[in-house]
Amino acid sequence: MVDRKKPAHGFSDWAWQRATAITMVIYSLLLVMRYLVDGPSAGFEGWHDWFLPLWFRAVTLLFLWALIYHAWLGVREILMDYVHHIGIRAKLQSLFGLVLVGDAVWAGYIVWSLAS
C-alpha cells in the first residue's frame, strides 16, 4: 500500500535538479555579463585578479557545488534506472559519491586558495 502522506522522493529530486540548473544558469549569465563589463587582462595574473573578490569566489563555489550536486542527482537516477543488481548499484553509487565529494573539496580548495 502506498502512503500518500509522505512526500514523493522523485519530486524532491526533480525540484533539486531544477534548482541547481537555475543556479548554474544565473551564474553563467553573471559570468558573461561580468566578462563583458570588466574582462580580465591576458595571462594568469589577470585571471587571478579577476577571480579575487570574495563575492565572486563565493558565487563561483556555489556554482561548482550546484554543478556537483546536479551531477550526483543525474548519476544516481541513471544508476537506479539501469543497474538493477542492488549490490553493484550501491558500489557504483558509493564510488561516484566519493569522487564527487572529492571534487567538491577540491573545488573549495582551488577557489579559496586564490586569495593567497
N, C-alpha and C. Protein backbone atom coordinates (compact mmCIF):
# COMPACT_ATOMS: atom_id res chain seq x y z
N MET A 1 0.84 -1.18 0.00
CA MET A 1 0.00 0.00 0.00
C MET A 1 0.89 1.25 0.00
N VAL A 2 0.51 2.22 -0.77
CA VAL A 2 1.26 3.47 -0.90
C VAL A 2 0.80 4.45 0.18
N ASP A 3 1.78 5.02 0.88
CA ASP A 3 1.47 6.01 1.90
C ASP A 3 1.46 7.39 1.26
N ARG A 4 0.30 7.97 1.09
CA ARG A 4 0.14 9.25 0.39
C ARG A 4 0.52 10.44 1.28
N LYS A 5 0.74 10.22 2.58
CA LYS A 5 1.05 11.32 3.48
C LYS A 5 2.51 11.76 3.38
N LYS A 6 3.39 10.87 2.94
CA LYS A 6 4.81 11.19 2.82
C LYS A 6 5.07 11.85 1.46
N PRO A 7 5.96 12.87 1.44
CA PRO A 7 6.26 13.48 0.14
C PRO A 7 6.98 12.49 -0.78
N ALA A 8 6.72 12.63 -2.04
CA ALA A 8 7.34 11.73 -3.02
C ALA A 8 8.83 12.02 -3.14
N HIS A 9 9.62 10.97 -3.18
CA HIS A 9 11.07 11.11 -3.30
C HIS A 9 11.44 11.67 -4.68
N GLY A 10 10.75 11.25 -5.70
CA GLY A 10 11.05 11.68 -7.05
C GLY A 10 10.84 13.17 -7.26
N PHE A 11 9.80 13.73 -6.64
CA PHE A 11 9.56 15.17 -6.81
C PHE A 11 10.67 15.98 -6.17
N SER A 12 11.16 15.55 -5.04
CA SER A 12 12.25 16.26 -4.38
C SER A 12 13.49 16.27 -5.26
N ASP A 13 13.82 15.12 -5.86
CA ASP A 13 14.95 15.06 -6.77
C ASP A 13 14.74 15.96 -7.98
N TRP A 14 13.53 15.96 -8.50
CA TRP A 14 13.21 16.81 -9.65
C TRP A 14 13.38 18.28 -9.29
N ALA A 15 12.88 18.67 -8.12
CA ALA A 15 12.97 20.06 -7.69
C ALA A 15 14.42 20.47 -7.47
N TRP A 16 15.23 19.60 -6.86
CA TRP A 16 16.65 19.92 -6.65
C TRP A 16 17.39 19.99 -7.98
N GLN A 17 17.04 19.13 -8.91
CA GLN A 17 17.68 19.17 -10.23
C GLN A 17 17.40 20.50 -10.91
N ARG A 18 16.16 20.97 -10.81
CA ARG A 18 15.80 22.25 -11.43
C ARG A 18 16.46 23.42 -10.69
N ALA A 19 16.50 23.34 -9.36
CA ALA A 19 17.11 24.42 -8.57
C ALA A 19 18.60 24.55 -8.89
N THR A 20 19.30 23.44 -9.01
CA THR A 20 20.72 23.50 -9.34
C THR A 20 20.92 24.00 -10.77
N ALA A 21 20.03 23.61 -11.66
CA ALA A 21 20.13 24.09 -13.05
C ALA A 21 19.91 25.60 -13.11
N ILE A 22 18.94 26.10 -12.37
CA ILE A 22 18.69 27.54 -12.35
C ILE A 22 19.88 28.28 -11.75
N THR A 23 20.47 27.73 -10.71
CA THR A 23 21.66 28.33 -10.10
C THR A 23 22.80 28.42 -11.12
N MET A 24 22.98 27.36 -11.88
CA MET A 24 24.05 27.35 -12.88
C MET A 24 23.78 28.34 -14.01
N VAL A 25 22.53 28.48 -14.42
CA VAL A 25 22.18 29.44 -15.47
C VAL A 25 22.41 30.87 -14.98
N ILE A 26 21.99 31.17 -13.76
CA ILE A 26 22.19 32.51 -13.21
C ILE A 26 23.68 32.83 -13.12
N TYR A 27 24.49 31.88 -12.66
CA TYR A 27 25.93 32.12 -12.57
C TYR A 27 26.52 32.33 -13.96
N SER A 28 26.08 31.53 -14.91
CA SER A 28 26.62 31.67 -16.27
C SER A 28 26.31 33.04 -16.86
N LEU A 29 25.09 33.53 -16.64
CA LEU A 29 24.74 34.86 -17.11
C LEU A 29 25.56 35.94 -16.38
N LEU A 30 25.74 35.77 -15.08
CA LEU A 30 26.57 36.71 -14.31
C LEU A 30 28.00 36.71 -14.83
N LEU A 31 28.51 35.53 -15.13
CA LEU A 31 29.88 35.40 -15.64
C LEU A 31 30.04 36.12 -16.98
N VAL A 32 29.09 35.92 -17.86
CA VAL A 32 29.16 36.57 -19.18
C VAL A 32 29.04 38.08 -19.03
N MET A 33 28.10 38.55 -18.19
CA MET A 33 27.94 39.99 -18.00
C MET A 33 29.20 40.60 -17.38
N ARG A 34 29.76 39.94 -16.39
CA ARG A 34 30.97 40.47 -15.76
C ARG A 34 32.13 40.48 -16.75
N TYR A 35 32.23 39.46 -17.58
CA TYR A 35 33.29 39.39 -18.56
C TYR A 35 33.17 40.52 -19.59
N LEU A 36 31.94 40.80 -20.01
CA LEU A 36 31.73 41.87 -20.99
C LEU A 36 32.00 43.24 -20.39
N VAL A 37 31.67 43.43 -19.13
CA VAL A 37 31.86 44.73 -18.48
C VAL A 37 33.31 44.92 -18.03
N ASP A 38 33.87 43.88 -17.42
CA ASP A 38 35.19 44.01 -16.80
C ASP A 38 35.99 42.74 -17.06
N GLY A 39 36.33 42.50 -18.30
CA GLY A 39 37.07 41.30 -18.65
C GLY A 39 38.48 41.32 -18.08
N PRO A 40 39.01 40.15 -17.76
CA PRO A 40 40.36 40.09 -17.20
C PRO A 40 41.41 40.41 -18.26
N SER A 41 42.55 40.89 -17.79
CA SER A 41 43.66 41.09 -18.73
C SER A 41 44.27 39.73 -19.04
N ALA A 42 45.02 39.66 -20.11
CA ALA A 42 45.60 38.40 -20.55
C ALA A 42 46.61 37.89 -19.53
N GLY A 43 46.69 36.58 -19.43
CA GLY A 43 47.69 35.98 -18.56
C GLY A 43 47.11 35.51 -17.24
N PHE A 44 47.91 34.75 -16.53
CA PHE A 44 47.50 34.18 -15.25
C PHE A 44 47.16 35.25 -14.23
N GLU A 45 47.97 36.29 -14.14
CA GLU A 45 47.76 37.33 -13.15
C GLU A 45 46.42 38.04 -13.36
N GLY A 46 46.08 38.28 -14.62
CA GLY A 46 44.80 38.93 -14.92
C GLY A 46 43.62 38.10 -14.48
N TRP A 47 43.65 36.82 -14.80
CA TRP A 47 42.57 35.92 -14.40
C TRP A 47 42.54 35.76 -12.88
N HIS A 48 43.70 35.66 -12.27
CA HIS A 48 43.77 35.53 -10.81
C HIS A 48 43.14 36.75 -10.15
N ASP A 49 43.48 37.94 -10.61
CA ASP A 49 42.92 39.17 -10.05
C ASP A 49 41.42 39.27 -10.30
N TRP A 50 40.98 38.74 -11.44
CA TRP A 50 39.56 38.79 -11.78
C TRP A 50 38.73 37.92 -10.85
N PHE A 51 39.29 36.78 -10.42
CA PHE A 51 38.58 35.88 -9.52
C PHE A 51 38.85 36.19 -8.05
N LEU A 52 39.58 37.22 -7.74
CA LEU A 52 39.99 37.52 -6.38
C LEU A 52 38.89 38.05 -5.46
N PRO A 53 37.92 38.85 -5.92
CA PRO A 53 36.91 39.37 -4.98
C PRO A 53 36.16 38.24 -4.26
N LEU A 54 35.94 38.44 -2.96
CA LEU A 54 35.30 37.43 -2.13
C LEU A 54 33.92 37.04 -2.66
N TRP A 55 33.13 38.03 -3.07
CA TRP A 55 31.78 37.73 -3.54
C TRP A 55 31.82 36.84 -4.78
N PHE A 56 32.82 37.08 -5.65
CA PHE A 56 32.88 36.30 -6.88
C PHE A 56 33.37 34.88 -6.61
N ARG A 57 34.30 34.75 -5.67
CA ARG A 57 34.74 33.40 -5.30
C ARG A 57 33.60 32.63 -4.65
N ALA A 58 32.78 33.31 -3.84
CA ALA A 58 31.66 32.65 -3.17
C ALA A 58 30.63 32.16 -4.18
N VAL A 59 30.25 33.01 -5.16
CA VAL A 59 29.26 32.56 -6.14
C VAL A 59 29.85 31.50 -7.08
N THR A 60 31.15 31.57 -7.33
CA THR A 60 31.79 30.53 -8.14
C THR A 60 31.77 29.20 -7.41
N LEU A 61 32.04 29.22 -6.12
CA LEU A 61 31.98 27.98 -5.34
C LEU A 61 30.55 27.44 -5.27
N LEU A 62 29.59 28.34 -5.12
CA LEU A 62 28.18 27.92 -5.14
C LEU A 62 27.84 27.25 -6.47
N PHE A 63 28.30 27.84 -7.56
CA PHE A 63 28.08 27.26 -8.89
C PHE A 63 28.69 25.86 -8.97
N LEU A 64 29.94 25.73 -8.53
CA LEU A 64 30.62 24.43 -8.63
C LEU A 64 29.92 23.38 -7.78
N TRP A 65 29.51 23.75 -6.57
CA TRP A 65 28.80 22.79 -5.72
C TRP A 65 27.43 22.45 -6.30
N ALA A 66 26.75 23.41 -6.92
CA ALA A 66 25.48 23.12 -7.58
C ALA A 66 25.69 22.17 -8.75
N LEU A 67 26.77 22.39 -9.50
CA LEU A 67 27.10 21.50 -10.61
C LEU A 67 27.38 20.08 -10.12
N ILE A 68 28.11 19.95 -9.03
CA ILE A 68 28.44 18.63 -8.49
C ILE A 68 27.19 17.94 -7.98
N TYR A 69 26.32 18.67 -7.28
CA TYR A 69 25.08 18.05 -6.78
C TYR A 69 24.16 17.68 -7.94
N HIS A 70 24.12 18.53 -8.96
CA HIS A 70 23.34 18.25 -10.16
C HIS A 70 23.83 16.94 -10.81
N ALA A 71 25.15 16.81 -10.88
CA ALA A 71 25.74 15.58 -11.45
C ALA A 71 25.39 14.37 -10.59
N TRP A 72 25.45 14.54 -9.27
CA TRP A 72 25.12 13.41 -8.37
C TRP A 72 23.68 12.96 -8.58
N LEU A 73 22.75 13.90 -8.67
CA LEU A 73 21.35 13.52 -8.88
C LEU A 73 21.17 12.79 -10.21
N GLY A 74 21.82 13.27 -11.25
CA GLY A 74 21.71 12.62 -12.55
C GLY A 74 22.31 11.23 -12.57
N VAL A 75 23.50 11.08 -12.01
CA VAL A 75 24.17 9.78 -11.98
C VAL A 75 23.35 8.79 -11.15
N ARG A 76 22.84 9.26 -10.00
CA ARG A 76 22.05 8.37 -9.15
C ARG A 76 20.79 7.89 -9.87
N GLU A 77 20.13 8.79 -10.59
CA GLU A 77 18.93 8.39 -11.33
C GLU A 77 19.26 7.39 -12.44
N ILE A 78 20.34 7.63 -13.14
CA ILE A 78 20.75 6.71 -14.20
C ILE A 78 21.06 5.34 -13.62
N LEU A 79 21.79 5.31 -12.52
CA LEU A 79 22.12 4.02 -11.89
C LEU A 79 20.86 3.33 -11.38
N MET A 80 19.93 4.08 -10.82
CA MET A 80 18.70 3.45 -10.33
C MET A 80 17.86 2.90 -11.48
N ASP A 81 17.92 3.55 -12.64
CA ASP A 81 17.13 3.10 -13.79
C ASP A 81 17.75 1.90 -14.51
N TYR A 82 19.09 1.87 -14.59
CA TYR A 82 19.73 0.90 -15.47
C TYR A 82 20.56 -0.17 -14.79
N VAL A 83 20.91 0.00 -13.52
CA VAL A 83 21.66 -1.04 -12.80
C VAL A 83 20.70 -1.67 -11.80
N HIS A 84 20.24 -2.87 -12.12
CA HIS A 84 19.19 -3.50 -11.33
C HIS A 84 19.73 -4.33 -10.18
N HIS A 85 20.97 -4.75 -10.23
CA HIS A 85 21.57 -5.50 -9.13
C HIS A 85 21.90 -4.52 -8.01
N ILE A 86 21.27 -4.70 -6.86
CA ILE A 86 21.39 -3.71 -5.78
C ILE A 86 22.82 -3.58 -5.28
N GLY A 87 23.54 -4.67 -5.18
CA GLY A 87 24.92 -4.62 -4.69
C GLY A 87 25.83 -3.84 -5.61
N ILE A 88 25.73 -4.09 -6.91
CA ILE A 88 26.55 -3.36 -7.89
C ILE A 88 26.16 -1.89 -7.90
N ARG A 89 24.85 -1.63 -7.86
CA ARG A 89 24.39 -0.24 -7.86
C ARG A 89 24.90 0.51 -6.62
N ALA A 90 24.87 -0.12 -5.47
CA ALA A 90 25.35 0.51 -4.23
C ALA A 90 26.85 0.82 -4.32
N LYS A 91 27.61 -0.12 -4.89
CA LYS A 91 29.05 0.12 -5.04
C LYS A 91 29.33 1.25 -6.02
N LEU A 92 28.60 1.28 -7.14
CA LEU A 92 28.79 2.35 -8.12
C LEU A 92 28.38 3.71 -7.54
N GLN A 93 27.26 3.73 -6.80
CA GLN A 93 26.84 4.98 -6.18
C GLN A 93 27.86 5.45 -5.16
N SER A 94 28.42 4.54 -4.40
CA SER A 94 29.45 4.90 -3.43
C SER A 94 30.68 5.45 -4.14
N LEU A 95 31.08 4.79 -5.21
CA LEU A 95 32.26 5.24 -5.96
C LEU A 95 32.03 6.64 -6.53
N PHE A 96 30.90 6.85 -7.21
CA PHE A 96 30.60 8.17 -7.77
C PHE A 96 30.44 9.21 -6.67
N GLY A 97 29.83 8.81 -5.56
CA GLY A 97 29.67 9.73 -4.44
C GLY A 97 31.01 10.19 -3.90
N LEU A 98 31.94 9.25 -3.72
CA LEU A 98 33.26 9.62 -3.22
C LEU A 98 34.01 10.52 -4.20
N VAL A 99 33.89 10.22 -5.47
CA VAL A 99 34.55 11.06 -6.48
C VAL A 99 33.97 12.47 -6.45
N LEU A 100 32.66 12.58 -6.36
CA LEU A 100 32.03 13.90 -6.36
C LEU A 100 32.31 14.67 -5.07
N VAL A 101 32.37 13.98 -3.94
CA VAL A 101 32.76 14.65 -2.69
C VAL A 101 34.19 15.14 -2.81
N GLY A 102 35.07 14.32 -3.38
CA GLY A 102 36.44 14.75 -3.63
C GLY A 102 36.50 15.96 -4.54
N ASP A 103 35.64 15.97 -5.57
CA ASP A 103 35.58 17.13 -6.46
C ASP A 103 35.11 18.37 -5.73
N ALA A 104 34.14 18.23 -4.83
CA ALA A 104 33.63 19.37 -4.07
C ALA A 104 34.70 19.95 -3.15
N VAL A 105 35.45 19.07 -2.50
CA VAL A 105 36.53 19.53 -1.62
C VAL A 105 37.63 20.20 -2.45
N TRP A 106 37.96 19.60 -3.56
CA TRP A 106 38.99 20.14 -4.45
C TRP A 106 38.58 21.50 -4.99
N ALA A 107 37.31 21.63 -5.39
CA ALA A 107 36.81 22.91 -5.89
C ALA A 107 36.92 23.98 -4.80
N GLY A 108 36.55 23.62 -3.57
CA GLY A 108 36.67 24.56 -2.47
C GLY A 108 38.11 24.98 -2.24
N TYR A 109 39.00 24.03 -2.30
CA TYR A 109 40.42 24.33 -2.11
C TYR A 109 40.93 25.28 -3.20
N ILE A 110 40.57 25.00 -4.44
CA ILE A 110 41.03 25.83 -5.56
C ILE A 110 40.48 27.24 -5.45
N VAL A 111 39.19 27.36 -5.22
CA VAL A 111 38.56 28.69 -5.19
C VAL A 111 39.09 29.50 -4.01
N TRP A 112 39.24 28.90 -2.85
CA TRP A 112 39.69 29.67 -1.69
C TRP A 112 41.20 29.87 -1.67
N SER A 113 41.94 29.08 -2.41
CA SER A 113 43.38 29.31 -2.46
C SER A 113 43.74 30.47 -3.39
N LEU A 114 42.76 30.99 -4.10
CA LEU A 114 43.00 32.13 -4.98
C LEU A 114 43.36 33.38 -4.19
N ALA A 115 42.97 33.42 -2.92
CA ALA A 115 43.22 34.62 -2.11
C ALA A 115 44.69 34.75 -1.74
N SER A 116 45.43 33.66 -1.81
CA SER A 116 46.84 33.74 -1.40
C SER A 116 47.77 34.06 -2.55
